[in-house]
Amino acid sequence: MARYLAKNIVASGVSQNATIQLSYAIGVKEPVSLYVYCDGIVRNDISEWIYQNVDLTPLGIIRKFNLFKLDLTETTNYGHFGKNDLAWENTDIANQLNF
C-alpha cells in the first residue's frame, strides 16, 4: 500500500519523490500513524486526504489489491515491484491528488 500511495503521489505531479510510512498495531484496524514526506517536506495535507479517501485497514488493502486471488507465480522471478500488471503498481488515484 505504501508503494501504491507513493507512486500515485509522484504520478500526480505533486512531488518528484515521495516517502510513505504506515504503522500498525495489533488489534487496531486503522493505521496508528501515516507519514508522508515529499521533496523534503512533511505533507500533512496529503496524509489527511489519504486517511479520508483510501481504506488503509488490512481488509481494505486485501480488497484493493485482490490479495486472496493474487497469482504469486508472477512475482517469483525478479520480485514484486516494477511489474505493471500487479495492482500496487497502478496510478489510478493520481488524478485525484490535486494539491
PDB file of N, CA and C in Angstrom:
ATOM      1  N   MET A   1       0.826  -1.191   0.000  1.00  0.00           N
ATOM      2  CA  MET A   1       0.000   0.000   0.000  1.00  0.00           C
ATOM      3  C   MET A   1       0.865   1.248   0.000  1.00  0.00           C
ATOM      4  N   ALA A   2       1.973   1.225   0.751  1.00  0.00           N
ATOM      5  CA  ALA A   2       2.845   2.396   0.807  1.00  0.00           C
ATOM      6  C   ALA A   2       3.429   2.699  -0.572  1.00  0.00           C
ATOM      7  N   ARG A   3       3.863   1.666  -1.292  1.00  0.00           N
ATOM      8  CA  ARG A   3       4.392   1.873  -2.639  1.00  0.00           C
ATOM      9  C   ARG A   3       3.307   2.443  -3.552  1.00  0.00           C
ATOM     10  N   TYR A   4       2.122   1.883  -3.489  1.00  0.00           N
ATOM     11  CA  TYR A   4       0.997   2.339  -4.298  1.00  0.00           C
ATOM     12  C   TYR A   4       0.721   3.823  -4.055  1.00  0.00           C
ATOM     13  N   LEU A   5       0.678   4.225  -2.800  1.00  0.00           N
ATOM     14  CA  LEU A   5       0.415   5.622  -2.474  1.00  0.00           C
ATOM     15  C   LEU A   5       1.544   6.532  -2.966  1.00  0.00           C
ATOM     16  N   ALA A   6       2.783   6.123  -2.748  1.00  0.00           N
ATOM     17  CA  ALA A   6       3.918   6.934  -3.182  1.00  0.00           C
ATOM     18  C   ALA A   6       3.939   7.075  -4.697  1.00  0.00           C
ATOM     19  N   LYS A   7       3.686   5.993  -5.418  1.00  0.00           N
ATOM     20  CA  LYS A   7       3.662   6.059  -6.880  1.00  0.00           C
ATOM     21  C   LYS A   7       2.580   7.013  -7.370  1.00  0.00           C
ATOM     22  N   ASN A   8       1.424   7.005  -6.724  1.00  0.00           N
ATOM     23  CA  ASN A   8       0.339   7.881  -7.124  1.00  0.00           C
ATOM     24  C   ASN A   8       0.659   9.342  -6.835  1.00  0.00           C
ATOM     25  N   ILE A   9       1.326   9.611  -5.731  1.00  0.00           N
ATOM     26  CA  ILE A   9       1.719  10.988  -5.416  1.00  0.00           C
ATOM     27  C   ILE A   9       2.691  11.508  -6.466  1.00  0.00           C
ATOM     28  N   VAL A  10       3.677  10.714  -6.819  1.00  0.00           N
ATOM     29  CA  VAL A  10       4.654  11.132  -7.830  1.00  0.00           C
ATOM     30  C   VAL A  10       3.968  11.259  -9.193  1.00  0.00           C
ATOM     31  N   ALA A  11       3.112  10.325  -9.549  1.00  0.00           N
ATOM     32  CA  ALA A  11       2.414  10.372 -10.838  1.00  0.00           C
ATOM     33  C   ALA A  11       1.497  11.579 -10.951  1.00  0.00           C
ATOM     34  N   SER A  12       1.004  12.072  -9.822  1.00  0.00           N
ATOM     35  CA  SER A  12       0.115  13.238  -9.844  1.00  0.00           C
ATOM     36  C   SER A  12       0.862  14.532 -10.132  1.00  0.00           C
ATOM     37  N   GLY A  13       2.176  14.501  -9.962  1.00  0.00           N
ATOM     38  CA  GLY A  13       2.970  15.710 -10.171  1.00  0.00           C
ATOM     39  C   GLY A  13       3.123  16.559  -8.928  1.00  0.00           C
ATOM     40  N   VAL A  14       2.601  16.108  -7.811  1.00  0.00           N
ATOM     41  CA  VAL A  14       2.707  16.849  -6.556  1.00  0.00           C
ATOM     42  C   VAL A  14       4.164  16.958  -6.115  1.00  0.00           C
ATOM     43  N   SER A  15       4.939  15.907  -6.354  1.00  0.00           N
ATOM     44  CA  SER A  15       6.345  15.925  -5.978  1.00  0.00           C
ATOM     45  C   SER A  15       7.131  14.986  -6.890  1.00  0.00           C
ATOM     46  N   GLN A  16       8.442  15.116  -6.824  1.00  0.00           N
ATOM     47  CA  GLN A  16       9.298  14.233  -7.612  1.00  0.00           C
ATOM     48  C   GLN A  16       9.677  12.985  -6.821  1.00  0.00           C
ATOM     49  N   ASN A  17       9.624  13.072  -5.504  1.00  0.00           N
ATOM     50  CA  ASN A  17       9.929  11.958  -4.616  1.00  0.00           C
ATOM     51  C   ASN A  17       8.880  11.909  -3.514  1.00  0.00           C
ATOM     52  N   ALA A  18       8.514  10.707  -3.120  1.00  0.00           N
ATOM     53  CA  ALA A  18       7.550  10.559  -2.031  1.00  0.00           C
ATOM     54  C   ALA A  18       7.940   9.366  -1.170  1.00  0.00           C
ATOM     55  N   THR A  19       7.893   9.574   0.129  1.00  0.00           N
ATOM     56  CA  THR A  19       8.124   8.510   1.090  1.00  0.00           C
ATOM     57  C   THR A  19       6.871   8.367   1.938  1.00  0.00           C
ATOM     58  N   ILE A  20       6.378   7.145   2.044  1.00  0.00           N
ATOM     59  CA  ILE A  20       5.186   6.868   2.834  1.00  0.00           C
ATOM     60  C   ILE A  20       5.567   5.899   3.944  1.00  0.00           C
ATOM     61  N   GLN A  21       5.151   6.209   5.152  1.00  0.00           N
ATOM     62  CA  GLN A  21       5.383   5.308   6.277  1.00  0.00           C
ATOM     63  C   GLN A  21       4.040   5.027   6.934  1.00  0.00           C
ATOM     64  N   LEU A  22       3.680   3.758   7.006  1.00  0.00           N
ATOM     65  CA  LEU A  22       2.460   3.322   7.675  1.00  0.00           C
ATOM     66  C   LEU A  22       2.847   2.500   8.890  1.00  0.00           C
ATOM     67  N   SER A  23       2.186   2.748  10.022  1.00  0.00           N
ATOM     68  CA  SER A  23       2.445   1.976  11.242  1.00  0.00           C
ATOM     69  C   SER A  23       1.135   1.381  11.735  1.00  0.00           C
ATOM     70  N   TYR A  24       1.186   0.108  12.060  1.00  0.00           N
ATOM     71  CA  TYR A  24       0.007  -0.597  12.545  1.00  0.00           C
ATOM     72  C   TYR A  24       0.282  -1.175  13.928  1.00  0.00           C
ATOM     73  N   ALA A  25      -0.776  -1.394  14.678  1.00  0.00           N
ATOM     74  CA  ALA A  25      -0.683  -2.029  15.999  1.00  0.00           C
ATOM     75  C   ALA A  25      -1.628  -3.223  16.018  1.00  0.00           C
ATOM     76  N   ILE A  26      -1.226  -4.249  16.711  1.00  0.00           N
ATOM     77  CA  ILE A  26      -2.053  -5.444  16.814  1.00  0.00           C
ATOM     78  C   ILE A  26      -3.387  -5.082  17.461  1.00  0.00           C
ATOM     79  N   GLY A  27      -4.468  -5.508  16.832  1.00  0.00           N
ATOM     80  CA  GLY A  27      -5.803  -5.283  17.364  1.00  0.00           C
ATOM     81  C   GLY A  27      -6.416  -3.948  16.978  1.00  0.00           C
ATOM     82  N   VAL A  28      -5.701  -3.133  16.205  1.00  0.00           N
ATOM     83  CA  VAL A  28      -6.211  -1.828  15.773  1.00  0.00           C
ATOM     84  C   VAL A  28      -6.367  -1.874  14.252  1.00  0.00           C
ATOM     85  N   LYS A  29      -7.594  -1.638  13.785  1.00  0.00           N
ATOM     86  CA  LYS A  29      -7.879  -1.740  12.351  1.00  0.00           C
ATOM     87  C   LYS A  29      -7.150  -0.688  11.517  1.00  0.00           C
ATOM     88  N   GLU A  30      -7.288   0.547  11.911  1.00  0.00           N
ATOM     89  CA  GLU A  30      -6.701   1.657  11.158  1.00  0.00           C
ATOM     90  C   GLU A  30      -5.218   1.790  11.515  1.00  0.00           C
ATOM     91  N   PRO A  31      -4.418   2.330  10.613  1.00  0.00           N
ATOM     92  CA  PRO A  31      -3.015   2.563  10.977  1.00  0.00           C
ATOM     93  C   PRO A  31      -2.924   3.580  12.112  1.00  0.00           C
ATOM     94  N   VAL A  32      -1.984   3.384  13.006  1.00  0.00           N
ATOM     95  CA  VAL A  32      -1.816   4.318  14.114  1.00  0.00           C
ATOM     96  C   VAL A  32      -0.980   5.522  13.680  1.00  0.00           C
ATOM     97  N   SER A  33      -0.333   5.416  12.531  1.00  0.00           N
ATOM     98  CA  SER A  33       0.476   6.522  12.025  1.00  0.00           C
ATOM     99  C   SER A  33       0.555   6.441  10.507  1.00  0.00           C
ATOM    100  N   LEU A  34       0.479   7.592   9.875  1.00  0.00           N
ATOM    101  CA  LEU A  34       0.694   7.725   8.437  1.00  0.00           C
ATOM    102  C   LEU A  34       1.568   8.944   8.234  1.00  0.00           C
ATOM    103  N   TYR A  35       2.730   8.737   7.666  1.00  0.00           N
ATOM    104  CA  TYR A  35       3.720   9.785   7.469  1.00  0.00           C
ATOM    105  C   TYR A  35       3.962   9.933   5.969  1.00  0.00           C
ATOM    106  N   VAL A  36       3.782  11.138   5.445  1.00  0.00           N
ATOM    107  CA  VAL A  36       4.016  11.418   4.028  1.00  0.00           C
ATOM    108  C   VAL A  36       5.093  12.487   3.932  1.00  0.00           C
ATOM    109  N   TYR A  37       6.157  12.161   3.237  1.00  0.00           N
ATOM    110  CA  TYR A  37       7.324  13.044   3.089  1.00  0.00           C
ATOM    111  C   TYR A  37       7.585  13.218   1.598  1.00  0.00           C
ATOM    112  N   CYS A  38       7.432  14.448   1.110  1.00  0.00           N
ATOM    113  CA  CYS A  38       7.577  14.730  -0.317  1.00  0.00           C
ATOM    114  C   CYS A  38       8.590  15.841  -0.541  1.00  0.00           C
ATOM    115  N   ASP A  39       9.622  15.544  -1.301  1.00  0.00           N
ATOM    116  CA  ASP A  39      10.630  16.537  -1.669  1.00  0.00           C
ATOM    117  C   ASP A  39      11.140  17.341  -0.474  1.00  0.00           C
ATOM    118  N   GLY A  40      11.403  16.668   0.622  1.00  0.00           N
ATOM    119  CA  GLY A  40      11.979  17.324   1.789  1.00  0.00           C
ATOM    120  C   GLY A  40      10.993  17.976   2.726  1.00  0.00           C
ATOM    121  N   ILE A  41       9.697  17.768   2.508  1.00  0.00           N
ATOM    122  CA  ILE A  41       8.666  18.416   3.329  1.00  0.00           C
ATOM    123  C   ILE A  41       7.674  17.368   3.817  1.00  0.00           C
ATOM    124  N   VAL A  42       7.326  17.421   5.098  1.00  0.00           N
ATOM    125  CA  VAL A  42       6.267  16.565   5.627  1.00  0.00           C
ATOM    126  C   VAL A  42       4.943  17.133   5.135  1.00  0.00           C
ATOM    127  N   ARG A  43       4.127  16.295   4.496  1.00  0.00           N
ATOM    128  CA  ARG A  43       2.878  16.752   3.891  1.00  0.00           C
ATOM    129  C   ARG A  43       1.681  16.209   4.658  1.00  0.00           C
ATOM    130  N   ASN A  44       1.263  16.942   5.690  1.00  0.00           N
ATOM    131  CA  ASN A  44       0.103  16.549   6.475  1.00  0.00           C
ATOM    132  C   ASN A  44      -1.188  16.654   5.681  1.00  0.00           C
ATOM    133  N   ASP A  45      -1.232  17.560   4.699  1.00  0.00           N
ATOM    134  CA  ASP A  45      -2.425  17.695   3.876  1.00  0.00           C
ATOM    135  C   ASP A  45      -2.665  16.436   3.048  1.00  0.00           C
ATOM    136  N   ILE A  46      -1.604  15.856   2.520  1.00  0.00           N
ATOM    137  CA  ILE A  46      -1.742  14.618   1.758  1.00  0.00           C
ATOM    138  C   ILE A  46      -2.088  13.460   2.690  1.00  0.00           C
ATOM    139  N   SER A  47      -1.468  13.418   3.868  1.00  0.00           N
ATOM    140  CA  SER A  47      -1.796  12.381   4.853  1.00  0.00           C
ATOM    141  C   SER A  47      -3.276  12.406   5.183  1.00  0.00           C
ATOM    142  N   GLU A  48      -3.805  13.584   5.417  1.00  0.00           N
ATOM    143  CA  GLU A  48      -5.219  13.729   5.758  1.00  0.00           C
ATOM    144  C   GLU A  48      -6.107  13.268   4.606  1.00  0.00           C
ATOM    145  N   TRP A  49      -5.752  13.625   3.384  1.00  0.00           N
ATOM    146  CA  TRP A  49      -6.523  13.189   2.219  1.00  0.00           C
ATOM    147  C   TRP A  49      -6.524  11.667   2.123  1.00  0.00           C
ATOM    148  N   ILE A  50      -5.370  11.053   2.328  1.00  0.00           N
ATOM    149  CA  ILE A  50      -5.257   9.590   2.264  1.00  0.00           C
ATOM    150  C   ILE A  50      -6.144   8.958   3.336  1.00  0.00           C
ATOM    151  N   TYR A  51      -6.072   9.463   4.576  1.00  0.00           N
ATOM    152  CA  TYR A  51      -6.912   8.934   5.655  1.00  0.00           C
ATOM    153  C   TYR A  51      -8.392   8.976   5.280  1.00  0.00           C
ATOM    154  N   GLN A  52      -8.813  10.051   4.621  1.00  0.00           N
ATOM    155  CA  GLN A  52     -10.226  10.237   4.314  1.00  0.00           C
ATOM    156  C   GLN A  52     -10.688   9.490   3.069  1.00  0.00           C
ATOM    157  N   ASN A  53      -9.772   9.155   2.156  1.00  0.00           N
ATOM    158  CA  ASN A  53     -10.186   8.621   0.861  1.00  0.00           C
ATOM    159  C   ASN A  53      -9.681   7.228   0.517  1.00  0.00           C
ATOM    160  N   VAL A  54      -8.771   6.689   1.294  1.00  0.00           N
ATOM    161  CA  VAL A  54      -8.205   5.371   0.996  1.00  0.00           C
ATOM    162  C   VAL A  54      -8.418   4.482   2.217  1.00  0.00           C
ATOM    163  N   ASP A  55      -8.936   3.289   1.987  1.00  0.00           N
ATOM    164  CA  ASP A  55      -9.154   2.330   3.065  1.00  0.00           C
ATOM    165  C   ASP A  55      -7.827   1.660   3.398  1.00  0.00           C
ATOM    166  N   LEU A  56      -7.243   2.038   4.521  1.00  0.00           N
ATOM    167  CA  LEU A  56      -5.937   1.531   4.929  1.00  0.00           C
ATOM    168  C   LEU A  56      -6.020   0.380   5.917  1.00  0.00           C
ATOM    169  N   THR A  57      -7.216  -0.128   6.160  1.00  0.00           N
ATOM    170  CA  THR A  57      -7.356  -1.286   7.035  1.00  0.00           C
ATOM    171  C   THR A  57      -6.778  -2.507   6.321  1.00  0.00           C
ATOM    172  N   PRO A  58      -6.367  -3.528   7.068  1.00  0.00           N
ATOM    173  CA  PRO A  58      -5.883  -4.741   6.401  1.00  0.00           C
ATOM    174  C   PRO A  58      -6.895  -5.302   5.385  1.00  0.00           C
ATOM    175  N   LEU A  59      -8.166  -5.331   5.757  1.00  0.00           N
ATOM    176  CA  LEU A  59      -9.181  -5.824   4.823  1.00  0.00           C
ATOM    177  C   LEU A  59      -9.292  -4.911   3.601  1.00  0.00           C
ATOM    178  N   GLY A  60      -9.192  -3.602   3.806  1.00  0.00           N
ATOM    179  CA  GLY A  60      -9.234  -2.665   2.691  1.00  0.00           C
ATOM    180  C   GLY A  60      -8.082  -2.876   1.720  1.00  0.00           C
ATOM    181  N   ILE A  61      -6.907  -3.154   2.251  1.00  0.00           N
ATOM    182  CA  ILE A  61      -5.739  -3.421   1.413  1.00  0.00           C
ATOM    183  C   ILE A  61      -5.918  -4.735   0.657  1.00  0.00           C
ATOM    184  N   ILE A  62      -6.432  -5.749   1.337  1.00  0.00           N
ATOM    185  CA  ILE A  62      -6.687  -7.038   0.696  1.00  0.00           C
ATOM    186  C   ILE A  62      -7.664  -6.865  -0.457  1.00  0.00           C
ATOM    187  N   ARG A  63      -8.719  -6.116  -0.225  1.00  0.00           N
ATOM    188  CA  ARG A  63      -9.724  -5.888  -1.279  1.00  0.00           C
ATOM    189  C   ARG A  63      -9.178  -5.041  -2.419  1.00  0.00           C
ATOM    190  N   LYS A  64      -8.447  -3.980  -2.080  1.00  0.00           N
ATOM    191  CA  LYS A  64      -7.913  -3.080  -3.111  1.00  0.00           C
ATOM    192  C   LYS A  64      -7.031  -3.823  -4.103  1.00  0.00           C
ATOM    193  N   PHE A  65      -6.197  -4.698  -3.593  1.00  0.00           N
ATOM    194  CA  PHE A  65      -5.243  -5.400  -4.441  1.00  0.00           C
ATOM    195  C   PHE A  65      -5.649  -6.839  -4.743  1.00  0.00           C
ATOM    196  N   ASN A  66      -6.863  -7.226  -4.325  1.00  0.00           N
ATOM    197  CA  ASN A  66      -7.393  -8.562  -4.578  1.00  0.00           C
ATOM    198  C   ASN A  66      -6.384  -9.636  -4.152  1.00  0.00           C
ATOM    199  N   LEU A  67      -5.868  -9.508  -2.947  1.00  0.00           N
ATOM    200  CA  LEU A  67      -4.756 -10.336  -2.498  1.00  0.00           C
ATOM    201  C   LEU A  67      -5.108 -11.807  -2.296  1.00  0.00           C
ATOM    202  N   PHE A  68      -6.368 -12.128  -2.059  1.00  0.00           N
ATOM    203  CA  PHE A  68      -6.732 -13.536  -1.897  1.00  0.00           C
ATOM    204  C   PHE A  68      -6.723 -14.283  -3.226  1.00  0.00           C
ATOM    205  N   LYS A  69      -6.763 -13.554  -4.333  1.00  0.00           N
ATOM    206  CA  LYS A  69      -6.748 -14.190  -5.658  1.00  0.00           C
ATOM    207  C   LYS A  69      -5.485 -13.842  -6.437  1.00  0.00           C
ATOM    208  N   LEU A  70      -4.490 -13.375  -5.746  1.00  0.00           N
ATOM    209  CA  LEU A  70      -3.236 -12.980  -6.385  1.00  0.00           C
ATOM    210  C   LEU A  70      -2.464 -14.210  -6.844  1.00  0.00           C
ATOM    211  N   ASP A  71      -2.024 -14.190  -8.081  1.00  0.00           N
ATOM    212  CA  ASP A  71      -1.203 -15.265  -8.623  1.00  0.00           C
ATOM    213  C   ASP A  71       0.259 -14.935  -8.340  1.00  0.00           C
ATOM    214  N   LEU A  72       0.808 -15.548  -7.316  1.00  0.00           N
ATOM    215  CA  LEU A  72       2.170 -15.230  -6.889  1.00  0.00           C
ATOM    216  C   LEU A  72       3.244 -15.769  -7.825  1.00  0.00           C
ATOM    217  N   THR A  73       2.872 -16.574  -8.800  1.00  0.00           N
ATOM    218  CA  THR A  73       3.881 -17.047  -9.754  1.00  0.00           C
ATOM    219  C   THR A  73       4.449 -15.887 -10.568  1.00  0.00           C
ATOM    220  N   GLU A  74       3.697 -14.799 -10.683  1.00  0.00           N
ATOM    221  CA  GLU A  74       4.180 -13.617 -11.400  1.00  0.00           C
ATOM    222  C   GLU A  74       5.325 -12.922 -10.651  1.00  0.00           C
ATOM    223  N   THR A  75       5.440 -13.182  -9.367  1.00  0.00           N
ATOM    224  CA  THR A  75       6.440 -12.486  -8.553  1.00  0.00           C
ATOM    225  C   THR A  75       7.663 -13.337  -8.233  1.00  0.00           C
ATOM    226  N   THR A  76       7.684 -14.580  -8.696  1.00  0.00           N
ATOM    227  CA  THR A  76       8.788 -15.465  -8.327  1.00  0.00           C
ATOM    228  C   THR A  76      10.106 -15.083  -8.995  1.00  0.00           C
ATOM    229  N   ASN A  77      10.048 -14.506 -10.169  1.00  0.00           N
ATOM    230  CA  ASN A  77      11.258 -14.052 -10.857  1.00  0.00           C
ATOM    231  C   ASN A  77      11.342 -12.537 -10.787  1.00  0.00           C
ATOM    232  N   TYR A  78      12.428 -12.034 -10.283  1.00  0.00           N
ATOM    233  CA  TYR A  78      12.722 -10.599 -10.235  1.00  0.00           C
ATOM    234  C   TYR A  78      11.838  -9.812  -9.273  1.00  0.00           C
ATOM    235  N   GLY A  79      11.198 -10.469  -8.324  1.00  0.00           N
ATOM    236  CA  GLY A  79      10.488  -9.766  -7.262  1.00  0.00           C
ATOM    237  C   GLY A  79       9.091  -9.296  -7.612  1.00  0.00           C
ATOM    238  N   HIS A  80       8.576  -8.422  -6.777  1.00  0.00           N
ATOM    239  CA  HIS A  80       7.183  -7.991  -6.910  1.00  0.00           C
ATOM    240  C   HIS A  80       7.034  -6.479  -7.096  1.00  0.00           C
ATOM    241  N   PHE A  81       8.080  -5.812  -7.541  1.00  0.00           N
ATOM    242  CA  PHE A  81       7.992  -4.385  -7.854  1.00  0.00           C
ATOM    243  C   PHE A  81       8.348  -4.159  -9.319  1.00  0.00           C
ATOM    244  N   GLY A  82       7.728  -3.141  -9.906  1.00  0.00           N
ATOM    245  CA  GLY A  82       8.056  -2.760 -11.269  1.00  0.00           C
ATOM    246  C   GLY A  82       7.355  -3.558 -12.343  1.00  0.00           C
ATOM    247  N   LYS A  83       6.421  -4.389 -11.974  1.00  0.00           N
ATOM    248  CA  LYS A  83       5.660  -5.171 -12.955  1.00  0.00           C
ATOM    249  C   LYS A  83       4.284  -4.542 -13.103  1.00  0.00           C
ATOM    250  N   ASN A  84       4.035  -3.946 -14.242  1.00  0.00           N
ATOM    251  CA  ASN A  84       2.845  -3.126 -14.438  1.00  0.00           C
ATOM    252  C   ASN A  84       1.527  -3.871 -14.307  1.00  0.00           C
ATOM    253  N   ASP A  85       1.528  -5.180 -14.397  1.00  0.00           N
ATOM    254  CA  ASP A  85       0.277  -5.923 -14.287  1.00  0.00           C
ATOM    255  C   ASP A  85      -0.114  -6.219 -12.842  1.00  0.00           C
ATOM    256  N   LEU A  86       0.706  -5.824 -11.879  1.00  0.00           N
ATOM    257  CA  LEU A  86       0.369  -6.013 -10.468  1.00  0.00           C
ATOM    258  C   LEU A  86      -0.382  -4.790  -9.947  1.00  0.00           C
ATOM    259  N   ALA A  87      -1.387  -5.020  -9.126  1.00  0.00           N
ATOM    260  CA  ALA A  87      -2.316  -3.968  -8.707  1.00  0.00           C
ATOM    261  C   ALA A  87      -1.644  -2.806  -7.995  1.00  0.00           C
ATOM    262  N   TRP A  88      -0.602  -3.056  -7.203  1.00  0.00           N
ATOM    263  CA  TRP A  88       0.027  -1.975  -6.441  1.00  0.00           C
ATOM    264  C   TRP A  88       0.921  -1.097  -7.302  1.00  0.00           C
ATOM    265  N   GLU A  89       1.053  -1.412  -8.569  1.00  0.00           N
ATOM    266  CA  GLU A  89       1.816  -0.577  -9.491  1.00  0.00           C
ATOM    267  C   GLU A  89       0.920   0.427 -10.221  1.00  0.00           C
ATOM    268  N   ASN A  90      -0.404   0.311 -10.049  1.00  0.00           N
ATOM    269  CA  ASN A  90      -1.344   1.226 -10.709  1.00  0.00           C
ATOM    270  C   ASN A  90      -1.213   2.641 -10.167  1.00  0.00           C
ATOM    271  N   THR A  91      -1.499   3.607 -11.002  1.00  0.00           N
ATOM    272  CA  THR A  91      -1.545   5.010 -10.573  1.00  0.00           C
ATOM    273  C   THR A  91      -2.950   5.563 -10.829  1.00  0.00           C
ATOM    274  N   ASP A  92      -3.946   4.817 -10.391  1.00  0.00           N
ATOM    275  CA  ASP A  92      -5.335   5.148 -10.678  1.00  0.00           C
ATOM    276  C   ASP A  92      -5.935   6.256  -9.815  1.00  0.00           C
ATOM    277  N   ILE A  93      -5.267   6.676  -8.752  1.00  0.00           N
ATOM    278  CA  ILE A  93      -5.801   7.786  -7.944  1.00  0.00           C
ATOM    279  C   ILE A  93      -4.961   9.052  -8.116  1.00  0.00           C
ATOM    280  N   ALA A  94      -3.992   9.022  -8.998  1.00  0.00           N
ATOM    281  CA  ALA A  94      -3.103  10.181  -9.184  1.00  0.00           C
ATOM    282  C   ALA A  94      -3.871  11.433  -9.580  1.00  0.00           C
ATOM    283  N   ASN A  95      -4.898  11.276 -10.418  1.00  0.00           N
ATOM    284  CA  ASN A  95      -5.652  12.454 -10.864  1.00  0.00           C
ATOM    285  C   ASN A  95      -6.517  13.065  -9.756  1.00  0.00           C
ATOM    286  N   GLN A  96      -6.693  12.359  -8.647  1.00  0.00           N
ATOM    287  CA  GLN A  96      -7.459  12.882  -7.518  1.00  0.00           C
ATOM    288  C   GLN A  96      -6.590  13.683  -6.543  1.00  0.00           C
ATOM    289  N   LEU A  97      -5.295  13.570  -6.678  1.00  0.00           N
ATOM    290  CA  LEU A  97      -4.358  14.259  -5.767  1.00  0.00           C
ATOM    291  C   LEU A  97      -3.983  15.623  -6.351  1.00  0.00           C
ATOM    292  N   ASN A  98      -4.799  16.598  -6.104  1.00  0.00           N
ATOM    293  CA  ASN A  98      -4.585  17.955  -6.622  1.00  0.00           C
ATOM    294  C   ASN A  98      -4.239  18.888  -5.468  1.00  0.00           C
ATOM    295  N   PHE A  99      -2.960  18.982  -5.127  1.00  0.00           N
ATOM    296  CA  PHE A  99      -2.532  19.822  -4.012  1.00  0.00           C
ATOM    297  C   PHE A  99      -1.669  20.944  -4.507  1.00  0.00           C
TER     298      PHE A  99
END
